[in-house]
Amino acid sequence: ISGEPRDLLFMRESIPADATWTVAGVGRYEFPMITMGILMGGHVRVG
């Protein structure tokens, strides 16, 4: 899947409410995706 905002929303809305989640964006998607993940209440991966 790509690293656009709609994609992260789609993924987040597809998991159970009691699940925790982390987002990792590859290459140029890293910091846009983690910024969105932080705002959405998820967790983040960088490296």
All heavy atoms as atom14 arrays in JSON, in Angstrom:
{
  "sequence": "ISGEPRDLLFMRESIPADATWTVAGVGRYEFPMITMGILMGGHVRVG",
  "atom14_mask": [
    [1, 1, 1, 1, 1, 1, 1, 1, 0, 0, 0, 0, 0, 0],
    [1, 1, 1, 1, 1, 1, 0, 0, 0, 0, 0, 0, 0, 0],
    [1, 1, 1, 1, 0, 0, 0, 0, 0, 0, 0, 0, 0, 0],
    [1, 1, 1, 1, 1, 1, 1, 1, 1, 0, 0, 0, 0, 0],
    [1, 1, 1, 1, 1, 1, 1, 0, 0, 0, 0, 0, 0, 0],
    [1, 1, 1, 1, 1, 1, 1, 1, 1, 1, 1, 0, 0, 0],
    [1, 1, 1, 1, 1, 1, 1, 1, 0, 0, 0, 0, 0, 0],
    [1, 1, 1, 1, 1, 1, 1, 1, 0, 0, 0, 0, 0, 0],
    [1, 1, 1, 1, 1, 1, 1, 1, 0, 0, 0, 0, 0, 0],
    [1, 1, 1, 1, 1, 1, 1, 1, 1, 1, 1, 0, 0, 0],
    [1, 1, 1, 1, 1, 1, 1, 1, 0, 0, 0, 0, 0, 0],
    [1, 1, 1, 1, 1, 1, 1, 1, 1, 1, 1, 0, 0, 0],
    [1, 1, 1, 1, 1, 1, 1, 1, 1, 0, 0, 0, 0, 0],
    [1, 1, 1, 1, 1, 1, 0, 0, 0, 0, 0, 0, 0, 0],
    [1, 1, 1, 1, 1, 1, 1, 1, 0, 0, 0, 0, 0, 0],
    [1, 1, 1, 1, 1, 1, 1, 0, 0, 0, 0, 0, 0, 0],
    [1, 1, 1, 1, 1, 0, 0, 0, 0, 0, 0, 0, 0, 0],
    [1, 1, 1, 1, 1, 1, 1, 1, 0, 0, 0, 0, 0, 0],
    [1, 1, 1, 1, 1, 0, 0, 0, 0, 0, 0, 0, 0, 0],
    [1, 1, 1, 1, 1, 1, 1, 0, 0, 0, 0, 0, 0, 0],
    [1, 1, 1, 1, 1, 1, 1, 1, 1, 1, 1, 1, 1, 1],
    [1, 1, 1, 1, 1, 1, 1, 0, 0, 0, 0, 0, 0, 0],
    [1, 1, 1, 1, 1, 1, 1, 0, 0, 0, 0, 0, 0, 0],
    [1, 1, 1, 1, 1, 0, 0, 0, 0, 0, 0, 0, 0, 0],
    [1, 1, 1, 1, 0, 0, 0, 0, 0, 0, 0, 0, 0, 0],
    [1, 1, 1, 1, 1, 1, 1, 0, 0, 0, 0, 0, 0, 0],
    [1, 1, 1, 1, 0, 0, 0, 0, 0, 0, 0, 0, 0, 0],
    [1, 1, 1, 1, 1, 1, 1, 1, 1, 1, 1, 0, 0, 0],
    [1, 1, 1, 1, 1, 1, 1, 1, 1, 1, 1, 1, 0, 0],
    [1, 1, 1, 1, 1, 1, 1, 1, 1, 0, 0, 0, 0, 0],
    [1, 1, 1, 1, 1, 1, 1, 1, 1, 1, 1, 0, 0, 0],
    [1, 1, 1, 1, 1, 1, 1, 0, 0, 0, 0, 0, 0, 0],
    [1, 1, 1, 1, 1, 1, 1, 1, 0, 0, 0, 0, 0, 0],
    [1, 1, 1, 1, 1, 1, 1, 1, 0, 0, 0, 0, 0, 0],
    [1, 1, 1, 1, 1, 1, 1, 0, 0, 0, 0, 0, 0, 0],
    [1, 1, 1, 1, 1, 1, 1, 1, 0, 0, 0, 0, 0, 0],
    [1, 1, 1, 1, 0, 0, 0, 0, 0, 0, 0, 0, 0, 0],
    [1, 1, 1, 1, 1, 1, 1, 1, 0, 0, 0, 0, 0, 0],
    [1, 1, 1, 1, 1, 1, 1, 1, 0, 0, 0, 0, 0, 0],
    [1, 1, 1, 1, 1, 1, 1, 1, 0, 0, 0, 0, 0, 0],
    [1, 1, 1, 1, 0, 0, 0, 0, 0, 0, 0, 0, 0, 0],
    [1, 1, 1, 1, 0, 0, 0, 0, 0, 0, 0, 0, 0, 0],
    [1, 1, 1, 1, 1, 1, 1, 1, 1, 1, 0, 0, 0, 0],
    [1, 1, 1, 1, 1, 1, 1, 0, 0, 0, 0, 0, 0, 0],
    [1, 1, 1, 1, 1, 1, 1, 1, 1, 1, 1, 0, 0, 0],
    [1, 1, 1, 1, 1, 1, 1, 0, 0, 0, 0, 0, 0, 0],
    [1, 1, 1, 1, 0, 0, 0, 0, 0, 0, 0, 0, 0, 0]
  ],
  "atom14_positions": [
    [[0.85, -1.19, 0.0], [0.0, 0.0, 0.0], [0.88, 1.25, 0.0], [2.0, 1.24, 0.53], [-0.96, -0.01, 1.21], [-2.1, 1.0, 1.01], [-0.22, 0.24, 2.51], [-3.26, 0.81, 1.98], [0.0, 0.0, 0.0], [0.0, 0.0, 0.0], [0.0, 0.0, 0.0], [0.0, 0.0, 0.0], [0.0, 0.0, 0.0], [0.0, 0.0, 0.0]],
    [[0.39, 2.32, -0.59], [1.14, 3.56, -0.65], [1.14, 4.25, 0.72], [0.59, 3.71, 1.69], [0.55, 4.48, -1.72], [1.35, 5.62, -1.9], [0.0, 0.0, 0.0], [0.0, 0.0, 0.0], [0.0, 0.0, 0.0], [0.0, 0.0, 0.0], [0.0, 0.0, 0.0], [0.0, 0.0, 0.0], [0.0, 0.0, 0.0], [0.0, 0.0, 0.0]],
    [[1.74, 5.42, 0.8], [1.87, 6.13, 2.07], [1.15, 7.46, 2.06], [1.71, 8.46, 2.52], [0.0, 0.0, 0.0], [0.0, 0.0, 0.0], [0.0, 0.0, 0.0], [0.0, 0.0, 0.0], [0.0, 0.0, 0.0], [0.0, 0.0, 0.0], [0.0, 0.0, 0.0], [0.0, 0.0, 0.0], [0.0, 0.0, 0.0], [0.0, 0.0, 0.0]],
    [[-0.05, 7.45, 1.54], [-0.86, 8.68, 1.53], [-1.77, 8.7, 2.75], [-2.1, 7.65, 3.32], [-1.69, 8.74, 0.25], [-0.87, 8.71, -1.03], [0.08, 9.88, -1.17], [-0.21, 10.95, -0.59], [1.11, 9.73, -1.84], [0.0, 0.0, 0.0], [0.0, 0.0, 0.0], [0.0, 0.0, 0.0], [0.0, 0.0, 0.0], [0.0, 0.0, 0.0]],
    [[-2.23, 9.88, 3.17], [-3.11, 9.96, 4.35], [-4.33, 9.05, 4.27], [-4.7, 8.41, 5.24], [-3.5, 11.44, 4.39], [-2.32, 12.14, 3.8], [-1.85, 11.24, 2.7], [0.0, 0.0, 0.0], [0.0, 0.0, 0.0], [0.0, 0.0, 0.0], [0.0, 0.0, 0.0], [0.0, 0.0, 0.0], [0.0, 0.0, 0.0], [0.0, 0.0, 0.0]],
    [[-4.96, 8.98, 3.08], [-6.15, 8.13, 2.95], [-5.82, 6.67, 3.24], [-6.64, 5.92, 3.76], [-6.75, 8.24, 1.53], [-5.8, 7.74, 0.46], [-6.48, 7.34, -0.86], [-5.5, 6.63, -1.65], [-4.72, 7.18, -2.58], [-4.83, 8.48, -2.84], [-3.85, 6.46, -3.24], [0.0, 0.0, 0.0], [0.0, 0.0, 0.0], [0.0, 0.0, 0.0]],
    [[-4.59, 6.26, 2.9], [-4.18, 4.87, 3.08], [-4.05, 4.52, 4.56], [-4.48, 3.45, 5.0], [-2.86, 4.6, 2.35], [-2.94, 4.88, 0.87], [-3.98, 4.54, 0.26], [-1.98, 5.46, 0.32], [0.0, 0.0, 0.0], [0.0, 0.0, 0.0], [0.0, 0.0, 0.0], [0.0, 0.0, 0.0], [0.0, 0.0, 0.0], [0.0, 0.0, 0.0]],
    [[-3.45, 5.43, 5.34], [-3.31, 5.18, 6.76], [-4.68, 5.17, 7.44], [-4.95, 4.34, 8.31], [-2.39, 6.22, 7.41], [-2.14, 6.03, 8.91], [-1.63, 4.63, 9.23], [-1.17, 7.09, 9.42], [0.0, 0.0, 0.0], [0.0, 0.0, 0.0], [0.0, 0.0, 0.0], [0.0, 0.0, 0.0], [0.0, 0.0, 0.0], [0.0, 0.0, 0.0]],
    [[-5.56, 6.09, 7.05], [-6.92, 6.08, 7.61], [-7.62, 4.76, 7.31], [-8.28, 4.16, 8.19], [-7.73, 7.24, 7.02], [-7.39, 8.64, 7.54], [-8.07, 9.7, 6.68], [-7.83, 8.79, 9.0], [0.0, 0.0, 0.0], [0.0, 0.0, 0.0], [0.0, 0.0, 0.0], [0.0, 0.0, 0.0], [0.0, 0.0, 0.0], [0.0, 0.0, 0.0]],
    [[-7.48, 4.28, 6.1], [-8.09, 3.01, 5.68], [-7.57, 1.85, 6.52], [-8.33, 1.01, 7.01], [-7.79, 2.79, 4.19], [-8.38, 1.55, 3.59], [-9.69, 1.15, 3.85], [-7.62, 0.77, 2.73], [-10.22, 0.01, 3.27], [-8.14, -0.37, 2.14], [-9.44, -0.76, 2.41], [0.0, 0.0, 0.0], [0.0, 0.0, 0.0], [0.0, 0.0, 0.0]],
    [[-6.27, 1.81, 6.73], [-5.67, 0.73, 7.51], [-6.14, 0.81, 8.97], [-6.53, -0.2, 9.56], [-4.15, 0.8, 7.42], [-3.58, 0.65, 6.01], [-3.65, -1.02, 5.37], [-2.02, -1.61, 5.86], [0.0, 0.0, 0.0], [0.0, 0.0, 0.0], [0.0, 0.0, 0.0], [0.0, 0.0, 0.0], [0.0, 0.0, 0.0], [0.0, 0.0, 0.0]],
    [[-6.08, 2.0, 9.54], [-6.49, 2.17, 10.94], [-7.95, 1.78, 11.15], [-8.3, 1.14, 12.16], [-6.27, 3.62, 11.39], [-6.86, 3.93, 12.78], [-6.2, 3.08, 13.85], [-6.84, 3.24, 15.15], [-7.84, 2.5, 15.61], [-8.37, 1.53, 14.86], [-8.35, 2.7, 16.82], [0.0, 0.0, 0.0], [0.0, 0.0, 0.0], [0.0, 0.0, 0.0]],
    [[-8.81, 2.12, 10.22], [-10.23, 1.82, 10.36], [-10.55, 0.34, 10.11], [-11.68, -0.09, 10.32], [-11.04, 2.7, 9.42], [-11.02, 4.17, 9.85], [-11.62, 5.1, 8.8], [-12.06, 4.59, 7.74], [-11.65, 6.31, 9.05], [0.0, 0.0, 0.0], [0.0, 0.0, 0.0], [0.0, 0.0, 0.0], [0.0, 0.0, 0.0], [0.0, 0.0, 0.0]],
    [[-9.54, -0.43, 9.71], [-9.76, -1.84, 9.38], [-9.38, -2.79, 10.51], [-9.53, -4.01, 10.37], [-8.93, -2.21, 8.13], [-9.31, -1.42, 7.02], [0.0, 0.0, 0.0], [0.0, 0.0, 0.0], [0.0, 0.0, 0.0], [0.0, 0.0, 0.0], [0.0, 0.0, 0.0], [0.0, 0.0, 0.0], [0.0, 0.0, 0.0], [0.0, 0.0, 0.0]],
    [[-8.88, -2.26, 11.64], [-8.46, -3.13, 12.74], [-9.42, -2.97, 13.92], [-10.16, -2.0, 14.01], [-7.01, -2.83, 13.18], [-6.87, -1.42, 13.76], [-6.05, -3.02, 12.0], [-5.5, -1.12, 14.35], [0.0, 0.0, 0.0], [0.0, 0.0, 0.0], [0.0, 0.0, 0.0], [0.0, 0.0, 0.0], [0.0, 0.0, 0.0], [0.0, 0.0, 0.0]],
    [[-9.42, -3.94, 14.85], [-10.33, -3.86, 15.99], [-10.06, -2.65, 16.87], [-8.94, -2.14, 16.95], [-10.03, -5.16, 16.76], [-9.42, -6.08, 15.77], [-8.66, -5.2, 14.82], [0.0, 0.0, 0.0], [0.0, 0.0, 0.0], [0.0, 0.0, 0.0], [0.0, 0.0, 0.0], [0.0, 0.0, 0.0], [0.0, 0.0, 0.0], [0.0, 0.0, 0.0]],
    [[-11.11, -2.21, 17.57], [-10.99, -1.03, 18.41], [-10.0, -1.22, 19.55], [-9.4, -0.25, 20.02], [-12.37, -0.66, 18.96], [0.0, 0.0, 0.0], [0.0, 0.0, 0.0], [0.0, 0.0, 0.0], [0.0, 0.0, 0.0], [0.0, 0.0, 0.0], [0.0, 0.0, 0.0], [0.0, 0.0, 0.0], [0.0, 0.0, 0.0], [0.0, 0.0, 0.0]],
    [[-9.84, -2.47, 20.01], [-8.95, -2.69, 21.14], [-7.51, -2.98, 20.72], [-6.64, -3.22, 21.57], [-9.46, -3.84, 22.01], [-9.41, -5.2, 21.31], [-9.27, -5.23, 20.08], [-9.53, -6.22, 22.02], [0.0, 0.0, 0.0], [0.0, 0.0, 0.0], [0.0, 0.0, 0.0], [0.0, 0.0, 0.0], [0.0, 0.0, 0.0], [0.0, 0.0, 0.0]],
    [[-7.23, -2.93, 19.42], [-5.88, -3.19, 18.93], [-5.02, -1.94, 19.06], [-5.51, -0.81, 18.94], [-5.92, -3.64, 17.49], [0.0, 0.0, 0.0], [0.0, 0.0, 0.0], [0.0, 0.0, 0.0], [0.0, 0.0, 0.0], [0.0, 0.0, 0.0], [0.0, 0.0, 0.0], [0.0, 0.0, 0.0], [0.0, 0.0, 0.0], [0.0, 0.0, 0.0]],
    [[-3.73, -2.14, 19.31], [-2.77, -1.05, 19.22], [-2.09, -1.11, 17.86], [-2.11, -2.14, 17.19], [-1.72, -1.14, 20.34], [-1.16, -2.46, 20.36], [-2.32, -0.83, 21.69], [0.0, 0.0, 0.0], [0.0, 0.0, 0.0], [0.0, 0.0, 0.0], [0.0, 0.0, 0.0], [0.0, 0.0, 0.0], [0.0, 0.0, 0.0], [0.0, 0.0, 0.0]],
    [[-1.49, 0.01, 17.46], [-0.87, 0.03, 16.14], [0.28, 1.02, 16.08], [0.32, 2.02, 16.78], [-1.88, 0.34, 15.04], [-2.62, 1.65, 15.19], [-3.7, 1.9, 15.98], [-2.31, 2.89, 14.54], [-4.09, 3.22, 15.85], [-3.26, 3.84, 14.97], [-1.33, 3.29, 13.61], [-3.27, 5.17, 14.52], [-1.32, 4.6, 13.16], [-2.29, 5.53, 13.62]],
    [[1.2, 0.68, 15.19], [2.37, 1.5, 14.87], [2.35, 1.75, 13.37], [1.88, 0.9, 12.61], [3.66, 0.74, 15.27], [3.74, 0.67, 16.69], [4.91, 1.42, 14.74], [0.0, 0.0, 0.0], [0.0, 0.0, 0.0], [0.0, 0.0, 0.0], [0.0, 0.0, 0.0], [0.0, 0.0, 0.0], [0.0, 0.0, 0.0], [0.0, 0.0, 0.0]],
    [[2.85, 2.89, 12.95], [2.99, 3.14, 11.52], [4.45, 3.37, 11.17], [5.18, 4.05, 11.91], [2.12, 4.33, 11.04], [2.51, 5.64, 11.71], [2.18, 4.47, 9.52], [0.0, 0.0, 0.0], [0.0, 0.0, 0.0], [0.0, 0.0, 0.0], [0.0, 0.0, 0.0], [0.0, 0.0, 0.0], [0.0, 0.0, 0.0], [0.0, 0.0, 0.0]],
    [[4.86, 2.76, 10.06], [6.21, 2.93, 9.52], [6.09, 3.37, 8.08], [5.47, 2.67, 7.27], [6.98, 1.61, 9.61], [0.0, 0.0, 0.0], [0.0, 0.0, 0.0], [0.0, 0.0, 0.0], [0.0, 0.0, 0.0], [0.0, 0.0, 0.0], [0.0, 0.0, 0.0], [0.0, 0.0, 0.0], [0.0, 0.0, 0.0], [0.0, 0.0, 0.0]],
    [[6.65, 4.51, 7.74], [6.64, 4.98, 6.36], [8.01, 4.75, 5.74], [9.04, 5.08, 6.34], [0.0, 0.0, 0.0], [0.0, 0.0, 0.0], [0.0, 0.0, 0.0], [0.0, 0.0, 0.0], [0.0, 0.0, 0.0], [0.0, 0.0, 0.0], [0.0, 0.0, 0.0], [0.0, 0.0, 0.0], [0.0, 0.0, 0.0], [0.0, 0.0, 0.0]],
    [[8.03, 4.19, 4.56], [9.29, 3.87, 3.89], [9.76, 5.06, 3.04], [8.96, 5.68, 2.32], [9.13, 2.61, 3.03], [10.38, 2.34, 2.21], [8.84, 1.41, 3.94], [0.0, 0.0, 0.0], [0.0, 0.0, 0.0], [0.0, 0.0, 0.0], [0.0, 0.0, 0.0], [0.0, 0.0, 0.0], [0.0, 0.0, 0.0], [0.0, 0.0, 0.0]],
    [[11.07, 5.37, 3.13], [11.63, 6.45, 2.32], [10.97, 7.78, 2.63], [10.83, 8.18, 3.79], [0.0, 0.0, 0.0], [0.0, 0.0, 0.0], [0.0, 0.0, 0.0], [0.0, 0.0, 0.0], [0.0, 0.0, 0.0], [0.0, 0.0, 0.0], [0.0, 0.0, 0.0], [0.0, 0.0, 0.0], [0.0, 0.0, 0.0], [0.0, 0.0, 0.0]],
    [[10.54, 8.46, 1.57], [9.97, 9.81, 1.74], [8.66, 9.81, 2.52], [8.19, 10.87, 2.96], [9.76, 10.45, 0.37], [8.72, 9.76, -0.5], [8.67, 10.38, -1.88], [7.73, 9.72, -2.77], [6.44, 10.01, -2.85], [5.93, 10.96, -2.07], [5.66, 9.37, -3.69], [0.0, 0.0, 0.0], [0.0, 0.0, 0.0], [0.0, 0.0, 0.0]],
    [[8.07, 8.64, 2.72], [6.81, 8.57, 3.47], [7.02, 8.54, 4.98], [6.05, 8.64, 5.74], [6.02, 7.32, 3.07], [5.52, 7.32, 1.65], [6.01, 6.41, 0.72], [4.55, 8.23, 1.23], [5.55, 6.4, -0.6], [4.08, 8.23, -0.08], [4.58, 7.32, -0.98], [4.12, 7.32, -2.28], [0.0, 0.0, 0.0], [0.0, 0.0, 0.0]],
    [[8.28, 8.39, 5.43], [8.5, 8.16, 6.86], [7.91, 9.27, 7.73], [7.05, 9.01, 8.59], [9.99, 8.0, 7.17], [10.23, 7.68, 8.65], [11.65, 7.2, 8.9], [12.57, 8.03, 8.92], [11.82, 5.98, 9.09], [0.0, 0.0, 0.0], [0.0, 0.0, 0.0], [0.0, 0.0, 0.0], [0.0, 0.0, 0.0], [0.0, 0.0, 0.0]],
    [[8.35, 10.48, 7.54], [7.91, 11.53, 8.45], [6.47, 12.0, 8.22], [5.77, 12.28, 9.2], [8.93, 12.67, 8.47], [10.2, 12.27, 9.17], [11.36, 12.02, 8.45], [10.22, 12.07, 10.54], [12.52, 11.6, 9.09], [11.37, 11.66, 11.19], [12.53, 11.42, 10.46], [0.0, 0.0, 0.0], [0.0, 0.0, 0.0], [0.0, 0.0, 0.0]],
    [[5.96, 12.07, 6.99], [4.53, 12.33, 6.85], [3.66, 11.29, 7.54], [2.66, 11.62, 8.2], [4.32, 12.31, 5.33], [5.64, 12.72, 4.77], [6.65, 12.1, 5.68], [0.0, 0.0, 0.0], [0.0, 0.0, 0.0], [0.0, 0.0, 0.0], [0.0, 0.0, 0.0], [0.0, 0.0, 0.0], [0.0, 0.0, 0.0], [0.0, 0.0, 0.0]],
    [[4.03, 10.01, 7.42], [3.21, 8.96, 8.03], [3.3, 8.98, 9.55], [2.29, 8.8, 10.24], [3.62, 7.59, 7.5], [3.13, 7.29, 6.09], [1.32, 7.14, 5.96], [0.83, 8.83, 5.52], [0.0, 0.0, 0.0], [0.0, 0.0, 0.0], [0.0, 0.0, 0.0], [0.0, 0.0, 0.0], [0.0, 0.0, 0.0], [0.0, 0.0, 0.0]],
    [[4.51, 9.21, 10.11], [4.57, 9.21, 11.56], [3.88, 10.44, 12.14], [3.28, 10.37, 13.22], [6.0, 9.06, 12.11], [6.83, 10.31, 11.87], [6.68, 7.81, 11.56], [8.01, 10.43, 12.82], [0.0, 0.0, 0.0], [0.0, 0.0, 0.0], [0.0, 0.0, 0.0], [0.0, 0.0, 0.0], [0.0, 0.0, 0.0], [0.0, 0.0, 0.0]],
    [[3.92, 11.55, 11.42], [3.21, 12.75, 11.89], [1.71, 12.47, 11.97], [1.06, 12.79, 12.98], [3.48, 13.94, 10.96], [4.89, 14.21, 10.93], [2.75, 15.19, 11.44], [0.0, 0.0, 0.0], [0.0, 0.0, 0.0], [0.0, 0.0, 0.0], [0.0, 0.0, 0.0], [0.0, 0.0, 0.0], [0.0, 0.0, 0.0], [0.0, 0.0, 0.0]],
    [[1.19, 11.84, 10.94], [-0.23, 11.5, 10.94], [-0.54, 10.47, 12.02], [-1.55, 10.56, 12.71], [-0.62, 10.97, 9.56], [-2.11, 10.83, 9.37], [-2.49, 10.52, 7.64], [-4.24, 10.14, 7.8], [0.0, 0.0, 0.0], [0.0, 0.0, 0.0], [0.0, 0.0, 0.0], [0.0, 0.0, 0.0], [0.0, 0.0, 0.0], [0.0, 0.0, 0.0]],
    [[0.36, 9.49, 12.18], [0.16, 8.49, 13.22], [0.12, 9.09, 14.61], [-0.69, 8.7, 15.46], [0.0, 0.0, 0.0], [0.0, 0.0, 0.0], [0.0, 0.0, 0.0], [0.0, 0.0, 0.0], [0.0, 0.0, 0.0], [0.0, 0.0, 0.0], [0.0, 0.0, 0.0], [0.0, 0.0, 0.0], [0.0, 0.0, 0.0], [0.0, 0.0, 0.0]],
    [[1.0, 10.05, 14.87], [1.02, 10.74, 16.17], [-0.31, 11.44, 16.41], [-0.9, 11.34, 17.49], [2.19, 11.73, 16.23], [3.53, 10.98, 16.26], [2.07, 12.65, 17.45], [4.74, 11.85, 15.97], [0.0, 0.0, 0.0], [0.0, 0.0, 0.0], [0.0, 0.0, 0.0], [0.0, 0.0, 0.0], [0.0, 0.0, 0.0], [0.0, 0.0, 0.0]],
    [[-0.81, 12.13, 15.41], [-2.08, 12.86, 15.53], [-3.26, 11.92, 15.74], [-4.22, 12.27, 16.44], [-2.31, 13.71, 14.28], [-1.46, 14.97, 14.14], [-1.58, 15.53, 12.73], [-1.89, 16.01, 15.18], [0.0, 0.0, 0.0], [0.0, 0.0, 0.0], [0.0, 0.0, 0.0], [0.0, 0.0, 0.0], [0.0, 0.0, 0.0], [0.0, 0.0, 0.0]],
    [[-3.19, 10.73, 15.15], [-4.3, 9.78, 15.21], [-4.27, 8.91, 16.47], [-5.16, 8.1, 16.68], [-4.28, 8.88, 13.98], [-4.64, 9.59, 12.69], [-4.33, 8.56, 11.22], [-5.44, 7.18, 11.51], [0.0, 0.0, 0.0], [0.0, 0.0, 0.0], [0.0, 0.0, 0.0], [0.0, 0.0, 0.0], [0.0, 0.0, 0.0], [0.0, 0.0, 0.0]],
    [[-3.24, 9.08, 17.31], [-3.18, 8.32, 18.54], [-2.48, 6.98, 18.42], [-2.51, 6.17, 19.36], [0.0, 0.0, 0.0], [0.0, 0.0, 0.0], [0.0, 0.0, 0.0], [0.0, 0.0, 0.0], [0.0, 0.0, 0.0], [0.0, 0.0, 0.0], [0.0, 0.0, 0.0], [0.0, 0.0, 0.0], [0.0, 0.0, 0.0], [0.0, 0.0, 0.0]],
    [[-1.81, 6.74, 17.28], [-1.05, 5.51, 17.11], [0.37, 5.67, 17.62], [0.71, 6.64, 18.3], [0.0, 0.0, 0.0], [0.0, 0.0, 0.0], [0.0, 0.0, 0.0], [0.0, 0.0, 0.0], [0.0, 0.0, 0.0], [0.0, 0.0, 0.0], [0.0, 0.0, 0.0], [0.0, 0.0, 0.0], [0.0, 0.0, 0.0], [0.0, 0.0, 0.0]],
    [[1.19, 4.71, 17.28], [2.6, 4.72, 17.65], [3.42, 4.73, 16.36], [2.87, 4.58, 15.26], [2.91, 3.52, 18.55], [2.02, 3.47, 19.75], [2.13, 4.36, 20.8], [0.95, 2.68, 20.03], [1.2, 4.11, 21.7], [0.46, 3.09, 21.25], [0.0, 0.0, 0.0], [0.0, 0.0, 0.0], [0.0, 0.0, 0.0], [0.0, 0.0, 0.0]],
    [[4.74, 4.91, 16.47], [5.52, 5.17, 15.26], [6.83, 4.39, 15.24], [7.38, 4.02, 16.29], [5.82, 6.68, 15.08], [4.52, 7.47, 15.01], [6.72, 7.21, 16.19], [0.0, 0.0, 0.0], [0.0, 0.0, 0.0], [0.0, 0.0, 0.0], [0.0, 0.0, 0.0], [0.0, 0.0, 0.0], [0.0, 0.0, 0.0], [0.0, 0.0, 0.0]],
    [[7.31, 4.16, 14.02], [8.61, 3.5, 13.81], [9.43, 4.34, 12.85], [8.93, 4.78, 11.81], [8.39, 2.1, 13.23], [9.68, 1.34, 13.01], [9.41, -0.09, 12.53], [9.68, -0.24, 11.1], [9.71, -1.41, 10.48], [9.47, -2.53, 11.14], [9.98, -1.47, 9.19], [0.0, 0.0, 0.0], [0.0, 0.0, 0.0], [0.0, 0.0, 0.0]],
    [[10.7, 4.55, 13.21], [11.65, 5.21, 12.33], [12.97, 4.43, 12.39], [13.19, 3.63, 13.29], [11.9, 6.69, 12.74], [10.64, 7.52, 12.59], [12.45, 6.78, 14.17], [0.0, 0.0, 0.0], [0.0, 0.0, 0.0], [0.0, 0.0, 0.0], [0.0, 0.0, 0.0], [0.0, 0.0, 0.0], [0.0, 0.0, 0.0], [0.0, 0.0, 0.0]],
    [[13.84, 4.69, 11.44], [15.15, 4.04, 11.47], [15.67, 3.72, 10.09], [14.96, 3.8, 9.09], [0.0, 0.0, 0.0], [0.0, 0.0, 0.0], [0.0, 0.0, 0.0], [0.0, 0.0, 0.0], [0.0, 0.0, 0.0], [0.0, 0.0, 0.0], [0.0, 0.0, 0.0], [0.0, 0.0, 0.0], [0.0, 0.0, 0.0], [0.0, 0.0, 0.0]]
  ]
}
